[in-house]
Amino acid sequence: MITVTRINGTKLMINALLIEVVEEVPDTIITLTTGKKFIVVESSDELLLLIQNYLRTIGVYAAAQKSEQTEGP
């Protein structure tokens, strides 16, 4: 889970594995695979760092990096 801040200042925890799209138009909108949308104050760059950090904590990021290194021509 990652913690983000809604426009009204309240904190919200989102399952990072359910994030499908992050848009900046100009507010940042997170769309989940469920279709639910959230407008947050964090930028897409900040969200990317939060998501990467979360994936590292559960071991998925390292596994993905290792997989990319072993794939090739």
C-alpha atoms as a PDB file:
ATOM      1  CA  MET A   1       0.000   0.000   0.000  1.00  0.00           C
ATOM      2  CA  ILE A   2       1.120   3.545  -0.659  1.00  0.00           C
ATOM      3  CA  THR A   3      -0.123   6.633   1.154  1.00  0.00           C
ATOM      4  CA  VAL A   4      -1.258   9.565  -0.975  1.00  0.00           C
ATOM      5  CA  THR A   5      -2.942  12.881  -0.191  1.00  0.00           C
ATOM      6  CA  ARG A   6      -6.285  13.870  -1.645  1.00  0.00           C
ATOM      7  CA  ILE A   7      -6.846  17.447  -2.797  1.00  0.00           C
ATOM      8  CA  ASN A   8      -8.734  18.199   0.457  1.00  0.00           C
ATOM      9  CA  GLY A   9      -5.676  17.149   2.505  1.00  0.00           C
ATOM     10  CA  THR A  10      -6.915  13.788   3.761  1.00  0.00           C
ATOM     11  CA  LYS A  11      -4.576  10.811   3.555  1.00  0.00           C
ATOM     12  CA  LEU A  12      -5.536   7.714   1.605  1.00  0.00           C
ATOM     13  CA  MET A  13      -3.835   4.332   1.304  1.00  0.00           C
ATOM     14  CA  ILE A  14      -3.997   2.726  -2.144  1.00  0.00           C
ATOM     15  CA  ASN A  15      -2.968  -0.755  -3.199  1.00  0.00           C
ATOM     16  CA  ALA A  16      -0.133   0.058  -5.607  1.00  0.00           C
ATOM     17  CA  LEU A  17      -0.664  -3.239  -7.428  1.00  0.00           C
ATOM     18  CA  LEU A  18      -4.105  -2.021  -8.563  1.00  0.00           C
ATOM     19  CA  ILE A  19      -2.869   1.206 -10.183  1.00  0.00           C
ATOM     20  CA  GLU A  20      -3.521   1.123 -13.912  1.00  0.00           C
ATOM     21  CA  VAL A  21      -2.968   4.742 -15.004  1.00  0.00           C
ATOM     22  CA  VAL A  22      -1.498   7.918 -13.490  1.00  0.00           C
ATOM     23  CA  GLU A  23      -2.314  11.155 -15.330  1.00  0.00           C
ATOM     24  CA  GLU A  24      -1.363  14.793 -14.730  1.00  0.00           C
ATOM     25  CA  VAL A  25      -4.036  17.019 -16.306  1.00  0.00           C
ATOM     26  CA  PRO A  26      -2.924  19.316 -14.391  1.00  0.00           C
ATOM     27  CA  ASP A  27      -4.054  17.576 -11.175  1.00  0.00           C
ATOM     28  CA  THR A  28      -2.746  14.058 -10.698  1.00  0.00           C
ATOM     29  CA  ILE A  29      -5.412  11.423 -11.264  1.00  0.00           C
ATOM     30  CA  ILE A  30      -4.861   7.800 -10.247  1.00  0.00           C
ATOM     31  CA  THR A  31      -7.062   5.231 -11.970  1.00  0.00           C
ATOM     32  CA  LEU A  32      -7.244   1.757 -10.470  1.00  0.00           C
ATOM     33  CA  THR A  33      -7.927  -1.455 -12.365  1.00  0.00           C
ATOM     34  CA  THR A  34     -11.345  -1.405 -10.683  1.00  0.00           C
ATOM     35  CA  GLY A  35     -12.184   1.835 -12.522  1.00  0.00           C
ATOM     36  CA  LYS A  36     -12.109   3.917  -9.342  1.00  0.00           C
ATOM     37  CA  LYS A  37     -10.325   7.282  -9.684  1.00  0.00           C
ATOM     38  CA  PHE A  38      -8.584   9.470  -7.117  1.00  0.00           C
ATOM     39  CA  ILE A  39      -7.297  13.034  -7.480  1.00  0.00           C
ATOM     40  CA  VAL A  40      -4.156  13.508  -5.399  1.00  0.00           C
ATOM     41  CA  VAL A  41      -1.623  16.268  -4.714  1.00  0.00           C
ATOM     42  CA  GLU A  42       1.458  14.108  -5.403  1.00  0.00           C
ATOM     43  CA  SER A  43       3.026  14.423  -8.855  1.00  0.00           C
ATOM     44  CA  SER A  44       3.402  11.436 -11.155  1.00  0.00           C
ATOM     45  CA  ASP A  45       7.155  11.463 -10.419  1.00  0.00           C
ATOM     46  CA  GLU A  46       6.478  11.284  -6.672  1.00  0.00           C
ATOM     47  CA  LEU A  47       3.997   8.458  -7.229  1.00  0.00           C
ATOM     48  CA  LEU A  48       6.535   6.545  -9.303  1.00  0.00           C
ATOM     49  CA  LEU A  49       9.016   6.707  -6.418  1.00  0.00           C
ATOM     50  CA  LEU A  50       6.349   5.616  -3.909  1.00  0.00           C
ATOM     51  CA  ILE A  51       5.332   2.689  -6.106  1.00  0.00           C
ATOM     52  CA  GLN A  52       8.926   1.609  -6.738  1.00  0.00           C
ATOM     53  CA  ASN A  53       9.681   1.764  -3.015  1.00  0.00           C
ATOM     54  CA  TYR A  54       6.584  -0.307  -2.239  1.00  0.00           C
ATOM     55  CA  LEU A  55       7.516  -2.905  -4.856  1.00  0.00           C
ATOM     56  CA  ARG A  56      11.011  -3.131  -3.355  1.00  0.00           C
ATOM     57  CA  THR A  57       9.559  -3.782   0.103  1.00  0.00           C
ATOM     58  CA  ILE A  58       7.558  -6.748  -1.166  1.00  0.00           C
ATOM     59  CA  GLY A  59      10.385  -8.029  -3.392  1.00  0.00           C
ATOM     60  CA  VAL A  60       8.626  -7.534  -6.706  1.00  0.00           C
ATOM     61  CA  TYR A  61      10.847  -4.707  -8.000  1.00  0.00           C
ATOM     62  CA  ALA A  62      14.061  -6.709  -7.596  1.00  0.00           C
ATOM     63  CA  ALA A  63      12.471  -9.713  -9.293  1.00  0.00           C
ATOM     64  CA  ALA A  64      11.389  -7.558 -12.233  1.00  0.00           C
ATOM     65  CA  GLN A  65      14.851  -6.037 -12.565  1.00  0.00           C
ATOM     66  CA  LYS A  66      16.499  -9.466 -12.490  1.00  0.00           C
ATOM     67  CA  SER A  67      14.045 -10.737 -15.116  1.00  0.00           C
ATOM     68  CA  GLU A  68      14.857  -7.835 -17.439  1.00  0.00           C
ATOM     69  CA  GLN A  69      18.596  -8.525 -17.122  1.00  0.00           C
ATOM     70  CA  THR A  70      18.222 -12.194 -18.032  1.00  0.00           C
ATOM     71  CA  GLU A  71      15.973 -11.569 -21.045  1.00  0.00           C
ATOM     72  CA  GLY A  72      17.632 -10.670 -24.282  1.00  0.00           C
ATOM     73  CA  PRO A  73      18.457 -11.713 -27.815  1.00  0.00           C
END
